[in-house]
């Protein structure tokens, strides 16, 4: 009887470990995608700031 419970406990531990690994892998992929989106957004914002600054500088140049 002890051997059956021991085997059952081992199976539960393996299953829990596999589920946890899967969850961690999914979380890692999600975080990586969020980082990529954040970097792309930062690049867009920087590009927009540069365009606004260039437009402002050009407008000031022709204003005087």
PDB file of N, CA and C in Angstrom:
ATOM      1  N   UNK A   1       0.825  -1.193   0.000  1.00  0.00           N
ATOM      2  CA  UNK A   1       0.000   0.000   0.000  1.00  0.00           C
ATOM      3  C   UNK A   1       0.866   1.251   0.000  1.00  0.00           C
ATOM      4  N   UNK A   2       1.964   1.217   0.764  1.00  0.00           N
ATOM      5  CA  UNK A   2       2.872   2.362   0.823  1.00  0.00           C
ATOM      6  C   UNK A   2       3.499   2.654  -0.530  1.00  0.00           C
ATOM      7  N   UNK A   3       3.765   1.585  -1.278  1.00  0.00           N
ATOM      8  CA  UNK A   3       4.365   1.755  -2.600  1.00  0.00           C
ATOM      9  C   UNK A   3       3.402   2.454  -3.556  1.00  0.00           C
ATOM     10  N   UNK A   4       2.124   2.153  -3.462  1.00  0.00           N
ATOM     11  CA  UNK A   4       1.114   2.791  -4.323  1.00  0.00           C
ATOM     12  C   UNK A   4       1.048   4.286  -4.020  1.00  0.00           C
ATOM     13  N   UNK A   5       1.004   4.636  -2.714  1.00  0.00           N
ATOM     14  CA  UNK A   5       0.948   6.054  -2.345  1.00  0.00           C
ATOM     15  C   UNK A   5       2.228   6.778  -2.734  1.00  0.00           C
ATOM     16  N   UNK A   6       3.340   6.090  -2.608  1.00  0.00           N
ATOM     17  CA  UNK A   6       4.621   6.681  -2.986  1.00  0.00           C
ATOM     18  C   UNK A   6       4.635   6.979  -4.492  1.00  0.00           C
ATOM     19  N   UNK A   7       4.147   6.018  -5.279  1.00  0.00           N
ATOM     20  CA  UNK A   7       4.096   6.204  -6.739  1.00  0.00           C
ATOM     21  C   UNK A   7       3.117   7.320  -7.097  1.00  0.00           C
ATOM     22  N   UNK A   8       1.984   7.368  -6.401  1.00  0.00           N
ATOM     23  CA  UNK A   8       0.980   8.407  -6.644  1.00  0.00           C
ATOM     24  C   UNK A   8       1.546   9.788  -6.308  1.00  0.00           C
ATOM     25  N   UNK A   9       2.249   9.875  -5.182  1.00  0.00           N
ATOM     26  CA  UNK A   9       2.854  11.154  -4.792  1.00  0.00           C
ATOM     27  C   UNK A   9       3.900  11.587  -5.820  1.00  0.00           C
ATOM     28  N   UNK A  10       4.698  10.641  -6.300  1.00  0.00           N
ATOM     29  CA  UNK A  10       5.703  10.935  -7.323  1.00  0.00           C
ATOM     30  C   UNK A  10       5.030  11.446  -8.596  1.00  0.00           C
ATOM     31  N   UNK A  11       3.947  10.797  -9.009  1.00  0.00           N
ATOM     32  CA  UNK A  11       3.221  11.226 -10.213  1.00  0.00           C
ATOM     33  C   UNK A  11       2.644  12.627 -10.046  1.00  0.00           C
ATOM     34  N   UNK A  12       2.102  12.912  -8.869  1.00  0.00           N
ATOM     35  CA  UNK A  12       1.551  14.242  -8.603  1.00  0.00           C
ATOM     36  C   UNK A  12       2.659  15.285  -8.644  1.00  0.00           C
ATOM     37  N   UNK A  13       3.804  14.975  -8.057  1.00  0.00           N
ATOM     38  CA  UNK A  13       4.931  15.914  -8.066  1.00  0.00           C
ATOM     39  C   UNK A  13       5.418  16.188  -9.483  1.00  0.00           C
ATOM     40  N   UNK A  14       5.517  15.146 -10.281  1.00  0.00           N
ATOM     41  CA  UNK A  14       5.948  15.316 -11.679  1.00  0.00           C
ATOM     42  C   UNK A  14       4.933  16.172 -12.446  1.00  0.00           C
ATOM     43  N   UNK A  15       3.660  15.887 -12.266  1.00  0.00           N
ATOM     44  CA  UNK A  15       2.605  16.652 -12.951  1.00  0.00           C
ATOM     45  C   UNK A  15       2.650  18.121 -12.533  1.00  0.00           C
ATOM     46  N   UNK A  16       2.780  18.363 -11.235  1.00  0.00           N
ATOM     47  CA  UNK A  16       2.843  19.742 -10.735  1.00  0.00           C
ATOM     48  C   UNK A  16       4.061  20.454 -11.290  1.00  0.00           C
ATOM     49  N   UNK A  17       5.187  19.763 -11.352  1.00  0.00           N
ATOM     50  CA  UNK A  17       6.410  20.361 -11.891  1.00  0.00           C
ATOM     51  C   UNK A  17       6.239  20.710 -13.368  1.00  0.00           C
ATOM     52  N   UNK A  18       5.649  19.808 -14.128  1.00  0.00           N
ATOM     53  CA  UNK A  18       5.436  20.072 -15.558  1.00  0.00           C
ATOM     54  C   UNK A  18       4.470  21.236 -15.769  1.00  0.00           C
ATOM     55  N   UNK A  19       3.426  21.299 -14.969  1.00  0.00           N
ATOM     56  CA  UNK A  19       2.477  22.413 -15.079  1.00  0.00           C
ATOM     57  C   UNK A  19       3.157  23.736 -14.737  1.00  0.00           C
ATOM     58  N   UNK A  20       3.972  23.726 -13.698  1.00  0.00           N
ATOM     59  CA  UNK A  20       4.688  24.937 -13.295  1.00  0.00           C
ATOM     60  C   UNK A  20       5.674  25.371 -14.377  1.00  0.00           C
ATOM     61  N   UNK A  21       6.405  24.415 -14.949  1.00  0.00           N
ATOM     62  CA  UNK A  21       7.339  24.742 -16.033  1.00  0.00           C
ATOM     63  C   UNK A  21       6.603  25.334 -17.230  1.00  0.00           C
ATOM     64  N   UNK A  22       5.466  24.766 -17.556  1.00  0.00           N
ATOM     65  CA  UNK A  22       4.662  25.267 -18.675  1.00  0.00           C
ATOM     66  C   UNK A  22       4.189  26.693 -18.397  1.00  0.00           C
ATOM     67  N   UNK A  23       3.731  26.931 -17.173  1.00  0.00           N
ATOM     68  CA  UNK A  23       3.271  28.266 -16.791  1.00  0.00           C
ATOM     69  C   UNK A  23       4.417  29.271 -16.851  1.00  0.00           C
ATOM     70  N   UNK A  24       5.578  28.872 -16.361  1.00  0.00           N
ATOM     71  CA  UNK A  24       6.742  29.764 -16.401  1.00  0.00           C
ATOM     72  C   UNK A  24       7.158  30.071 -17.837  1.00  0.00           C
ATOM     73  N   UNK A  25       7.111  29.059 -18.689  1.00  0.00           N
ATOM     74  CA  UNK A  25       7.455  29.253 -20.104  1.00  0.00           C
ATOM     75  C   UNK A  25       6.472  30.219 -20.758  1.00  0.00           C
ATOM     76  N   UNK A  26       5.192  30.036 -20.466  1.00  0.00           N
ATOM     77  CA  UNK A  26       4.168  30.928 -21.020  1.00  0.00           C
ATOM     78  C   UNK A  26       4.366  32.356 -20.512  1.00  0.00           C
ATOM     79  N   UNK A  27       4.673  32.488 -19.235  1.00  0.00           N
ATOM     80  CA  UNK A  27       4.906  33.817 -18.661  1.00  0.00           C
ATOM     81  C   UNK A  27       6.125  34.470 -19.290  1.00  0.00           C
ATOM     82  N   UNK A  28       7.172  33.689 -19.502  1.00  0.00           N
ATOM     83  CA  UNK A  28       8.390  34.222 -20.120  1.00  0.00           C
ATOM     84  C   UNK A  28       8.096  34.727 -21.526  1.00  0.00           C
ATOM     85  N   UNK A  29       7.354  33.941 -22.299  1.00  0.00           N
ATOM     86  CA  UNK A  29       7.002  34.349 -23.667  1.00  0.00           C
ATOM     87  C   UNK A  29       6.161  35.619 -23.639  1.00  0.00           C
ATOM     88  N   UNK A  30       5.196  35.692 -22.716  1.00  0.00           N
ATOM     89  CA  UNK A  30       4.351  36.879 -22.590  1.00  0.00           C
ATOM     90  C   UNK A  30       5.194  38.102 -22.253  1.00  0.00           C
ATOM     91  N   UNK A  31       6.114  37.962 -21.305  1.00  0.00           N
ATOM     92  CA  UNK A  31       6.966  39.085 -20.894  1.00  0.00           C
ATOM     93  C   UNK A  31       7.858  39.513 -22.053  1.00  0.00           C
ATOM     94  N   UNK A  32       8.418  38.555 -22.790  1.00  0.00           N
ATOM     95  CA  UNK A  32       9.262  38.897 -23.938  1.00  0.00           C
ATOM     96  C   UNK A  32       8.467  39.685 -24.989  1.00  0.00           C
ATOM     97  N   UNK A  33       7.232  39.271 -25.235  1.00  0.00           N
ATOM     98  CA  UNK A  33       6.394  39.990 -26.201  1.00  0.00           C
ATOM     99  C   UNK A  33       6.090  41.402 -25.703  1.00  0.00           C
ATOM    100  N   UNK A  34       5.836  41.534 -24.402  1.00  0.00           N
ATOM    101  CA  UNK A  34       5.562  42.857 -23.839  1.00  0.00           C
ATOM    102  C   UNK A  34       6.791  43.756 -23.953  1.00  0.00           C
ATOM    103  N   UNK A  35       7.973  43.210 -23.730  1.00  0.00           N
ATOM    104  CA  UNK A  35       9.211  43.988 -23.852  1.00  0.00           C
ATOM    105  C   UNK A  35       9.393  44.452 -25.298  1.00  0.00           C
ATOM    106  N   UNK A  36       9.146  43.556 -26.246  1.00  0.00           N
ATOM    107  CA  UNK A  36       9.273  43.919 -27.668  1.00  0.00           C
ATOM    108  C   UNK A  36       8.292  45.031 -28.017  1.00  0.00           C
ATOM    109  N   UNK A  37       7.048  44.909 -27.539  1.00  0.00           N
ATOM    110  CA  UNK A  37       6.052  45.966 -27.804  1.00  0.00           C
ATOM    111  C   UNK A  37       6.469  47.282 -27.177  1.00  0.00           C
ATOM    112  N   UNK A  38       7.003  47.223 -25.972  1.00  0.00           N
ATOM    113  CA  UNK A  38       7.441  48.442 -25.278  1.00  0.00           C
ATOM    114  C   UNK A  38       8.579  49.115 -26.032  1.00  0.00           C
ATOM    115  N   UNK A  39       9.532  48.338 -26.494  1.00  0.00           N
ATOM    116  CA  UNK A  39      10.666  48.894 -27.249  1.00  0.00           C
ATOM    117  C   UNK A  39      10.169  49.520 -28.552  1.00  0.00           C
ATOM    118  N   UNK A  40       9.248  48.842 -29.235  1.00  0.00           N
ATOM    119  CA  UNK A  40       8.703  49.401 -30.477  1.00  0.00           C
ATOM    120  C   UNK A  40       7.971  50.714 -30.196  1.00  0.00           C
ATOM    121  N   UNK A  41       7.208  50.747 -29.112  1.00  0.00           N
ATOM    122  CA  UNK A  41       6.489  51.960 -28.735  1.00  0.00           C
ATOM    123  C   UNK A  41       7.464  53.081 -28.399  1.00  0.00           C
ATOM    124  N   UNK A  42       8.534  52.757 -27.667  1.00  0.00           N
ATOM    125  CA  UNK A  42       9.546  53.764 -27.338  1.00  0.00           C
ATOM    126  C   UNK A  42      10.170  54.330 -28.608  1.00  0.00           C
ATOM    127  N   UNK A  43      10.453  53.470 -29.569  1.00  0.00           N
ATOM    128  CA  UNK A  43      11.039  53.934 -30.836  1.00  0.00           C
ATOM    129  C   UNK A  43      10.078  54.854 -31.572  1.00  0.00           C
ATOM    130  N   UNK A  44       8.796  54.501 -31.560  1.00  0.00           N
ATOM    131  CA  UNK A  44       7.794  55.356 -32.217  1.00  0.00           C
ATOM    132  C   UNK A  44       7.709  56.718 -31.534  1.00  0.00           C
ATOM    133  N   UNK A  45       7.733  56.723 -30.211  1.00  0.00           N
ATOM    134  CA  UNK A  45       7.658  57.985 -29.464  1.00  0.00           C
ATOM    135  C   UNK A  45       8.895  58.835 -29.735  1.00  0.00           C
ATOM    136  N   UNK A  46      10.070  58.218 -29.731  1.00  0.00           N
ATOM    137  CA  UNK A  46      11.302  58.962 -30.014  1.00  0.00           C
ATOM    138  C   UNK A  46      11.258  59.528 -31.432  1.00  0.00           C
ATOM    139  N   UNK A  47      10.809  58.722 -32.389  1.00  0.00           N
ATOM    140  CA  UNK A  47      10.691  59.179 -33.774  1.00  0.00           C
ATOM    141  C   UNK A  47       9.727  60.362 -33.873  1.00  0.00           C
ATOM    142  N   UNK A  48       8.611  60.268 -33.164  1.00  0.00           N
ATOM    143  CA  UNK A  48       7.635  61.352 -33.161  1.00  0.00           C
ATOM    144  C   UNK A  48       8.231  62.631 -32.554  1.00  0.00           C
ATOM    145  N   UNK A  49       8.966  62.495 -31.455  1.00  0.00           N
ATOM    146  CA  UNK A  49       9.599  63.662 -30.818  1.00  0.00           C
ATOM    147  C   UNK A  49      10.599  64.314 -31.769  1.00  0.00           C
ATOM    148  N   UNK A  50      11.382  63.485 -32.453  1.00  0.00           N
ATOM    149  CA  UNK A  50      12.362  64.018 -33.410  1.00  0.00           C
ATOM    150  C   UNK A  50      11.645  64.747 -34.549  1.00  0.00           C
ATOM    151  N   UNK A  51      10.553  64.183 -35.038  1.00  0.00           N
ATOM    152  CA  UNK A  51       9.814  64.835 -36.127  1.00  0.00           C
ATOM    153  C   UNK A  51       9.211  66.157 -35.668  1.00  0.00           C
ATOM    154  N   UNK A  52       8.665  66.187 -34.457  1.00  0.00           N
ATOM    155  CA  UNK A  52       8.095  67.436 -33.929  1.00  0.00           C
ATOM    156  C   UNK A  52       9.188  68.482 -33.750  1.00  0.00           C
ATOM    157  N   UNK A  53      10.321  68.065 -33.205  1.00  0.00           N
ATOM    158  CA  UNK A  53      11.432  68.998 -33.003  1.00  0.00           C
ATOM    159  C   UNK A  53      11.940  69.530 -34.339  1.00  0.00           C
ATOM    160  N   UNK A  54      12.059  68.657 -35.332  1.00  0.00           N
ATOM    161  CA  UNK A  54      12.518  69.075 -36.660  1.00  0.00           C
ATOM    162  C   UNK A  54      11.524  70.039 -37.283  1.00  0.00           C
ATOM    163  N   UNK A  55      10.238  69.733 -37.170  1.00  0.00           N
ATOM    164  CA  UNK A  55       9.206  70.616 -37.710  1.00  0.00           C
ATOM    165  C   UNK A  55       9.244  71.977 -37.013  1.00  0.00           C
ATOM    166  N   UNK A  56       9.371  71.954 -35.676  1.00  0.00           N
ATOM    167  CA  UNK A  56       9.421  73.208 -34.917  1.00  0.00           C
ATOM    168  C   UNK A  56      10.633  74.037 -35.316  1.00  0.00           C
ATOM    169  N   UNK A  57      11.778  73.368 -35.457  1.00  0.00           N
ATOM    170  CA  UNK A  57      13.004  74.086 -35.818  1.00  0.00           C
ATOM    171  C   UNK A  57      12.856  74.679 -37.222  1.00  0.00           C
ATOM    172  N   UNK A  58      12.274  73.906 -38.155  1.00  0.00           N
ATOM    173  CA  UNK A  58      12.073  74.392 -39.519  1.00  0.00           C
ATOM    174  C   UNK A  58      11.103  75.569 -39.529  1.00  0.00           C
ATOM    175  N   UNK A  59      10.044  75.468 -38.747  1.00  0.00           N
ATOM    176  CA  UNK A  59       9.057  76.548 -38.686  1.00  0.00           C
ATOM    177  C   UNK A  59       9.688  77.815 -38.111  1.00  0.00           C
ATOM    178  N   UNK A  60      10.514  77.673 -37.098  1.00  0.00           N
ATOM    179  CA  UNK A  60      11.171  78.848 -36.495  1.00  0.00           C
ATOM    180  C   UNK A  60      12.159  79.470 -37.481  1.00  0.00           C
ATOM    181  N   UNK A  61      12.831  78.632 -38.263  1.00  0.00           N
ATOM    182  CA  UNK A  61      13.818  79.113 -39.218  1.00  0.00           C
ATOM    183  C   UNK A  61      13.158  80.004 -40.267  1.00  0.00           C
ATOM    184  N   UNK A  62      11.986  79.628 -40.727  1.00  0.00           N
ATOM    185  CA  UNK A  62      11.300  80.405 -41.758  1.00  0.00           C
ATOM    186  C   UNK A  62      10.461  81.540 -41.182  1.00  0.00           C
ATOM    187  N   UNK A  63      10.266  81.535 -39.865  1.00  0.00           N
ATOM    188  CA  UNK A  63       9.456  82.566 -39.242  1.00  0.00           C
ATOM    189  C   UNK A  63      10.212  83.899 -39.211  1.00  0.00           C
ATOM    190  N   UNK A  64      11.517  83.832 -39.066  1.00  0.00           N
ATOM    191  CA  UNK A  64      12.297  85.081 -38.940  1.00  0.00           C
ATOM    192  C   UNK A  64      12.935  85.490 -40.223  1.00  0.00           C
TER     193      UNK A  64
END
